[in-house]
C-alpha cells in the first residue's frame, strides 16, 4: 500500500473514531433524533452534488434502485445514528467505539443464519472470543460513564449492540442487492433517505433551548467530517486499493475512538476495557480470516517415477 493510501486509511479511521466523540459532545443539547437527522442531512447535502457531478450513471442507478437504497438508508444510517447518539447519553465515547468493533462478528452470524455461509473452527473460535469481549465490557461497570444510572447504562449498551447488528445486516443486504450500483450513489442516496426518514422526529423533538456553539461545532464536524468526507475517503480507498485492504479500517476505529475520548473528554481507559477490546479485535480478526491460526496442510509428496499410485 502506498504512503498516500495508508494516510487516507488512517484518516478514515480517525474520522470514524471521532464520530463517537462528537456525538458525546452534542447529543445532550440536540437530543439523539435531532442530531442524527441533522447529521444525515449535512451528509446528503454534501454527497448529492458530488454524485450529480460524476458521469458514471450513478444518479440514474440511484433512481432505479431507490427501494433497496431506502432500506439501507434506514438500517445503515438513520437507526444506527440515533442509537449511537442515545448510547452517548449513558456510556463513554470510548466504549461506544469499542462496541462498534464487534460489527464483523454479527456479520458472520447473520451470514450463517441468512445466507448459509459456512463457519469453520477458526471462525467459530473468533466469534466466541469476540462475544466474550462484549460480555466482559458489559460486566465492567467501571468503564461506564460516571453518574449514569444502571438503567441508562443498560439501554446504552443495548443501543450499541442493536446499531452494530444493523450495520452487519446492511453490509450483507448491500452486497446482495446493491453490488451493481455505484458506491457513491448508495452513500448519497442512503444519507438522503436517512435524512427524510428522521426529519419528522428531528423537527418534533428539536431542543427547546438553543444548543451551544460547542454542540453546533460537534454537529458540523460529525456531518462534514465523519459522514461526507469519510464516505469520500472510503470509496476512494476501495477504488485504489480494493475492498479487502480497506476493511482494515474497523480494526483502527476503536483505537482512535478511545484516543479521542481520553484526550478531549478526559475519559479513563481501564485495564478491563483494554482486555475486552483486545478480545473483540482478536475475535474479529479470526472470524473474518484476517488472522488464521490453523496449521497449513502438508503438501503431499510427488510420486516417484515408477512408483505405484496411492490406492486412496
Protein backbone atom coordinates (compact mmCIF):
# COMPACT_ATOMS: atom_id res chain seq x y z
CA UNK A 1 0.00 0.00 0.00
CA UNK A 2 1.37 3.42 -0.98
CA UNK A 3 2.02 6.08 1.64
CA UNK A 4 -0.85 8.24 0.37
CA UNK A 5 -3.29 5.34 0.61
CA UNK A 6 -2.03 4.43 4.06
CA UNK A 7 -2.53 8.06 5.12
CA UNK A 8 -6.08 8.00 3.74
CA UNK A 9 -6.80 4.75 5.60
CA UNK A 10 -5.55 6.25 8.85
CA UNK A 11 -7.51 9.46 8.28
CA UNK A 12 -10.69 7.48 7.64
CA UNK A 13 -10.26 5.51 10.87
CA UNK A 14 -9.55 8.75 12.75
CA UNK A 15 -12.71 10.37 11.36
CA UNK A 16 -14.98 7.44 12.14
CA UNK A 17 -13.39 7.09 15.56
CA UNK A 18 -14.08 10.77 16.19
CA UNK A 19 -17.80 10.35 15.46
CA UNK A 20 -18.32 8.97 18.98
CA UNK A 21 -16.53 11.98 20.44
CA UNK A 22 -18.75 14.43 18.55
CA UNK A 23 -21.94 12.55 19.38
CA UNK A 24 -20.96 12.63 23.04
CA UNK A 25 -20.36 16.39 22.79
CA UNK A 26 -23.65 17.23 21.09
CA UNK A 27 -26.23 14.60 21.98
CA UNK A 28 -27.18 16.13 25.34
CA UNK A 29 -28.02 19.51 23.81
CA UNK A 30 -29.51 18.49 20.46
CA UNK A 31 -31.13 15.23 21.50
CA UNK A 32 -30.49 11.93 19.75
CA UNK A 33 -33.12 12.23 17.00
CA UNK A 34 -32.35 15.84 16.06
CA UNK A 35 -28.62 15.25 16.00
CA UNK A 36 -28.96 12.10 13.90
CA UNK A 37 -31.32 13.78 11.43
CA UNK A 38 -29.12 16.85 11.07
CA UNK A 39 -26.05 14.65 10.58
CA UNK A 40 -27.72 12.74 7.76
CA UNK A 41 -28.99 15.98 6.18
CA UNK A 42 -25.50 17.50 6.18
CA UNK A 43 -24.03 14.33 4.70
CA UNK A 44 -26.68 14.20 1.97
CA UNK A 45 -26.27 17.89 1.20
CA UNK A 46 -22.57 17.40 0.52
CA UNK A 47 -22.67 13.98 -1.19
CA UNK A 48 -25.55 14.58 -3.61
CA UNK A 49 -23.74 17.36 -5.54
CA UNK A 50 -20.70 15.08 -5.82
CA UNK A 51 -22.93 12.36 -7.22
CA UNK A 52 -24.51 14.76 -9.71
CA UNK A 53 -21.06 15.81 -10.89
CA UNK A 54 -19.99 12.26 -11.73
CA UNK A 55 -20.55 10.74 -15.14
CA UNK A 56 -20.77 7.06 -14.22
CA UNK A 57 -24.57 6.88 -14.31
CA UNK A 58 -24.80 6.96 -10.53
CA UNK A 59 -27.85 9.23 -10.43
CA UNK A 60 -29.80 7.02 -12.84
CA UNK A 61 -28.77 3.93 -10.90
CA UNK A 62 -29.96 5.56 -7.68
CA UNK A 63 -33.37 6.29 -9.19
CA UNK A 64 -33.67 2.71 -10.47
CA UNK A 65 -32.73 1.14 -7.14
CA UNK A 66 -34.34 3.63 -4.76
CA UNK A 67 -36.20 0.98 -2.74
CA UNK A 68 -33.15 -1.03 -1.56
CA UNK A 69 -31.22 2.23 -1.11
CA UNK A 70 -34.04 3.48 1.11
CA UNK A 71 -33.80 0.35 3.25
CA UNK A 72 -30.03 0.74 3.54
CA UNK A 73 -30.54 4.37 4.50
CA UNK A 74 -32.76 3.27 7.38
CA UNK A 75 -30.67 0.31 8.58
CA UNK A 76 -27.18 1.65 7.92
CA UNK A 77 -27.64 5.34 8.77
CA UNK A 78 -30.92 6.52 10.29
CA UNK A 79 -31.35 3.93 13.04
CA UNK A 80 -27.64 3.48 13.92
CA UNK A 81 -27.14 7.26 14.05
CA UNK A 82 -29.99 7.56 16.56
CA UNK A 83 -28.93 4.52 18.56
CA UNK A 84 -25.31 5.62 18.95
CA UNK A 85 -26.45 9.14 19.86
CA UNK A 86 -28.66 7.59 22.55
CA UNK A 87 -25.75 5.48 23.74
CA UNK A 88 -23.70 8.64 24.18
CA UNK A 89 -26.11 9.61 26.97
CA UNK A 90 -25.27 6.53 29.03
CA UNK A 91 -21.74 5.33 28.28
CA UNK A 92 -18.38 6.80 27.36
CA UNK A 93 -17.50 7.60 23.76
CA UNK A 94 -14.56 5.20 24.09
CA UNK A 95 -16.82 2.30 24.95
CA UNK A 96 -19.22 3.03 22.08
CA UNK A 97 -16.29 2.88 19.66
CA UNK A 98 -15.13 -0.44 21.10
CA UNK A 99 -18.61 -1.95 20.83
CA UNK A 100 -18.70 -0.95 17.16
CA UNK A 101 -15.67 -3.16 16.54
CA UNK A 102 -17.93 -6.16 17.03
CA UNK A 103 -19.81 -5.43 13.78
CA UNK A 104 -17.93 -8.13 11.79
CA UNK A 105 -18.86 -10.67 14.47
CA UNK A 106 -22.56 -10.02 13.98
CA UNK A 107 -22.00 -10.03 10.22
CA UNK A 108 -20.60 -13.56 10.45
CA UNK A 109 -23.60 -14.75 12.46
CA UNK A 110 -26.11 -13.08 10.11
CA UNK A 111 -24.26 -14.54 7.12
CA UNK A 112 -24.62 -18.00 8.63
CA UNK A 113 -28.31 -17.67 9.56
CA UNK A 114 -29.50 -15.72 6.50
CA UNK A 115 -27.18 -16.81 3.70
CA UNK A 116 -25.99 -20.17 4.98
CA UNK A 117 -22.32 -19.18 4.94
CA UNK A 118 -20.08 -21.79 6.50
CA UNK A 119 -18.37 -21.09 9.82
CA UNK A 120 -15.24 -23.17 10.35
CA UNK A 121 -13.48 -23.89 13.62
CA UNK A 122 -11.31 -20.77 13.48
CA UNK A 123 -14.25 -18.51 12.73
CA UNK A 124 -16.28 -20.14 15.49
CA UNK A 125 -13.42 -19.62 17.93
CA UNK A 126 -13.20 -15.99 16.82
CA UNK A 127 -16.92 -15.47 17.36
CA UNK A 128 -16.68 -16.97 20.83
CA UNK A 129 -13.71 -14.74 21.75
CA UNK A 130 -15.36 -11.63 20.36
CA UNK A 131 -18.63 -12.16 22.18
CA UNK A 132 -16.71 -12.88 25.38
CA UNK A 133 -15.10 -9.47 24.92
CA UNK A 134 -18.52 -7.83 24.52
CA UNK A 135 -19.83 -9.54 27.66
CA UNK A 136 -16.65 -8.56 29.51
CA UNK A 137 -17.24 -4.90 28.69
CA UNK A 138 -20.92 -5.10 29.62
CA UNK A 139 -19.98 -6.52 33.01
CA UNK A 140 -17.28 -3.90 33.58
CA UNK A 141 -19.28 -1.23 35.39
CA UNK A 142 -16.15 0.87 35.96
CA UNK A 143 -15.91 1.62 32.24
CA UNK A 144 -19.34 3.22 32.06
CA UNK A 145 -19.83 6.95 32.24
CA UNK A 146 -19.67 8.25 35.81
CA UNK A 147 -23.02 9.41 37.14
CA UNK A 148 -25.15 7.42 34.69
CA UNK A 149 -27.83 5.22 36.22
CA UNK A 150 -27.81 1.47 35.77
CA UNK A 151 -30.95 1.74 33.62
CA UNK A 152 -29.38 4.36 31.34
CA UNK A 153 -26.23 2.28 31.08
CA UNK A 154 -28.16 -0.86 30.19
CA UNK A 155 -30.16 0.88 27.47
CA UNK A 156 -26.97 2.46 26.11
CA UNK A 157 -25.32 -0.95 25.80
CA UNK A 158 -28.41 -2.38 24.07
CA UNK A 159 -28.41 0.60 21.70
CA UNK A 160 -24.79 -0.09 20.72
CA UNK A 161 -25.47 -3.79 20.16
CA UNK A 162 -28.58 -3.04 18.08
CA UNK A 163 -26.71 -0.46 15.99
CA UNK A 164 -23.84 -2.84 15.22
CA UNK A 165 -26.29 -5.58 14.28
CA UNK A 166 -27.97 -3.17 11.86
CA UNK A 167 -24.58 -2.33 10.34
CA UNK A 168 -23.90 -6.04 9.90
CA UNK A 169 -27.29 -6.66 8.25
CA UNK A 170 -26.79 -3.68 5.94
CA UNK A 171 -23.43 -4.99 4.78
CA UNK A 172 -24.96 -8.29 3.66
CA UNK A 173 -28.04 -6.64 2.17
CA UNK A 174 -25.96 -4.13 0.20
CA UNK A 175 -23.69 -6.86 -1.11
CA UNK A 176 -26.68 -8.91 -2.23
CA UNK A 177 -28.93 -6.24 -3.74
CA UNK A 178 -26.77 -3.17 -4.45
CA UNK A 179 -23.49 -4.61 -5.68
CA UNK A 180 -24.07 -3.26 -9.18
CA UNK A 181 -24.91 0.27 -8.01
CA UNK A 182 -22.04 2.82 -7.87
CA UNK A 183 -20.93 3.14 -4.22
CA UNK A 184 -21.23 6.94 -4.22
CA UNK A 185 -24.86 6.59 -5.33
CA UNK A 186 -25.56 4.25 -2.42
CA UNK A 187 -23.81 6.61 0.02
CA UNK A 188 -25.57 9.77 -1.17
CA UNK A 189 -28.94 8.07 -1.56
CA UNK A 190 -28.79 6.38 1.82
CA UNK A 191 -27.96 9.67 3.56
CA UNK A 192 -30.84 11.39 1.77
CA UNK A 193 -33.17 8.55 2.78
CA UNK A 194 -31.97 8.73 6.38
CA UNK A 195 -32.48 12.50 6.48
CA UNK A 196 -36.03 12.21 5.12
CA UNK A 197 -36.96 9.36 7.48
CA UNK A 198 -35.58 11.18 10.53
CA UNK A 199 -36.94 14.63 9.60
CA UNK A 200 -40.32 14.32 11.41
CA UNK A 201 -38.75 13.15 14.69
CA UNK A 202 -35.85 15.59 14.39
CA UNK A 203 -38.23 18.53 13.98
CA UNK A 204 -40.71 17.38 16.61
CA UNK A 205 -38.01 16.73 19.22
CA UNK A 206 -35.80 19.72 18.49
CA UNK A 207 -34.29 21.24 21.67
CA UNK A 208 -36.24 24.00 23.39
CA UNK A 209 -33.00 25.67 24.44
CA UNK A 210 -30.66 26.72 21.61
CA UNK A 211 -27.57 24.46 21.58
CA UNK A 212 -24.21 25.99 22.41
CA UNK A 213 -21.53 26.83 19.89
CA UNK A 214 -19.63 23.77 21.12
CA UNK A 215 -22.57 21.50 20.29
CA UNK A 216 -23.03 23.11 16.87
CA UNK A 217 -19.34 22.61 16.15
CA UNK A 218 -19.62 18.95 17.11
CA UNK A 219 -22.63 18.52 14.78
CA UNK A 220 -20.86 20.15 11.84
CA UNK A 221 -17.75 18.03 12.37
CA UNK A 222 -19.96 14.95 12.58
CA UNK A 223 -21.84 15.72 9.38
CA UNK A 224 -19.00 17.12 7.28
CA UNK A 225 -16.01 15.12 8.51
CA UNK A 226 -17.34 11.85 9.93
CA UNK A 227 -20.06 11.39 7.31
CA UNK A 228 -19.49 13.16 3.97
CA UNK A 229 -15.67 13.33 3.93
CA UNK A 230 -15.38 9.86 5.45
CA UNK A 231 -17.55 8.35 2.70
CA UNK A 232 -15.46 10.04 0.01
CA UNK A 233 -12.26 8.63 1.54
CA UNK A 234 -13.87 5.22 1.95
CA UNK A 235 -14.91 4.88 -1.70
CA UNK A 236 -11.64 6.37 -2.91
CA UNK A 237 -9.74 3.71 -0.97
CA UNK A 238 -11.91 0.93 -2.37
CA UNK A 239 -11.17 2.18 -5.88
CA UNK A 240 -7.41 2.47 -5.26
CA UNK A 241 -6.52 -0.50 -3.03
CA UNK A 242 -9.59 -2.72 -3.10
CA UNK A 243 -12.27 -3.62 -0.58
CA UNK A 244 -10.21 -6.26 1.25
CA UNK A 245 -7.48 -3.82 2.33
CA UNK A 246 -9.97 -1.07 3.07
CA UNK A 247 -11.68 -3.41 5.55
CA UNK A 248 -8.70 -2.89 7.87
CA UNK A 249 -10.45 0.31 8.98
CA UNK A 250 -12.73 -1.35 11.59
CA UNK A 251 -9.64 -2.55 13.44
CA UNK A 252 -8.33 1.01 13.76
CA UNK A 253 -11.58 2.81 14.63
CA UNK A 254 -11.72 1.68 18.29
CA UNK A 255 -8.14 2.83 18.87
CA UNK A 256 -8.97 6.32 17.62
CA UNK A 257 -12.30 6.34 19.45
CA UNK A 258 -10.51 5.64 22.72
CA UNK A 259 -7.73 8.10 21.93
CA UNK A 260 -10.11 11.00 21.22
CA UNK A 261 -12.19 10.20 24.29
CA UNK A 262 -9.13 10.22 26.55
CA UNK A 263 -7.57 13.34 25.01
CA UNK A 264 -10.62 15.59 24.65
CA UNK A 265 -13.18 14.28 27.14
CA UNK A 266 -10.87 13.14 29.93
CA UNK A 267 -12.26 9.60 29.79
CA UNK A 268 -10.40 6.80 31.54
CA UNK A 269 -9.25 3.76 29.60
CA UNK A 270 -9.15 0.98 32.17
CA UNK A 271 -7.29 -2.31 32.08
CA UNK A 272 -10.66 -4.09 31.89
CA UNK A 273 -11.58 -2.07 28.79
CA UNK A 274 -8.23 -2.93 27.25
CA UNK A 275 -8.80 -6.64 27.89
CA UNK A 276 -12.32 -6.55 26.49
CA UNK A 277 -11.33 -4.64 23.38
CA UNK A 278 -8.38 -6.99 22.80
CA UNK A 279 -10.75 -9.97 22.87
CA UNK A 280 -13.11 -8.25 20.42
CA UNK A 281 -10.32 -7.32 18.00
CA UNK A 282 -8.71 -10.77 18.15
CA UNK A 283 -12.07 -12.49 17.77
CA UNK A 284 -12.96 -10.27 14.82
CA UNK A 285 -9.60 -10.96 13.17
CA UNK A 286 -10.19 -14.72 13.48
CA UNK A 287 -13.84 -14.54 12.43
CA UNK A 288 -13.05 -12.52 9.30
CA UNK A 289 -9.98 -14.54 8.34
CA UNK A 290 -7.53 -11.66 8.80
CA UNK A 291 -5.66 -13.92 11.24
CA UNK A 292 -5.57 -17.65 10.60
CA UNK A 293 -4.05 -19.85 13.27
CA UNK A 294 -4.87 -23.11 11.54
CA UNK A 295 -1.93 -25.22 10.55
CA UNK A 296 -1.49 -25.38 6.79
CA UNK A 297 -1.89 -28.84 5.37
CA UNK A 298 1.33 -30.51 4.49
CA UNK A 299 1.81 -30.88 0.79
CA UNK A 300 1.54 -34.45 -0.42
CA UNK A 301 4.85 -35.74 -1.84
CA UNK A 302 5.02 -36.12 -5.57
CA UNK A 303 5.06 -39.75 -6.69
CA UNK A 304 8.46 -41.03 -7.66
CA UNK A 305 8.96 -42.27 -11.20
CA UNK A 306 7.76 -45.84 -11.44
CA UNK A 307 6.07 -45.78 -8.05
CA UNK A 308 2.60 -47.27 -7.67
CA UNK A 309 -0.18 -44.66 -7.34
CA UNK A 310 -1.83 -44.38 -3.92
CA UNK A 311 -4.92 -46.54 -3.83
CA UNK A 312 -6.68 -43.97 -1.69
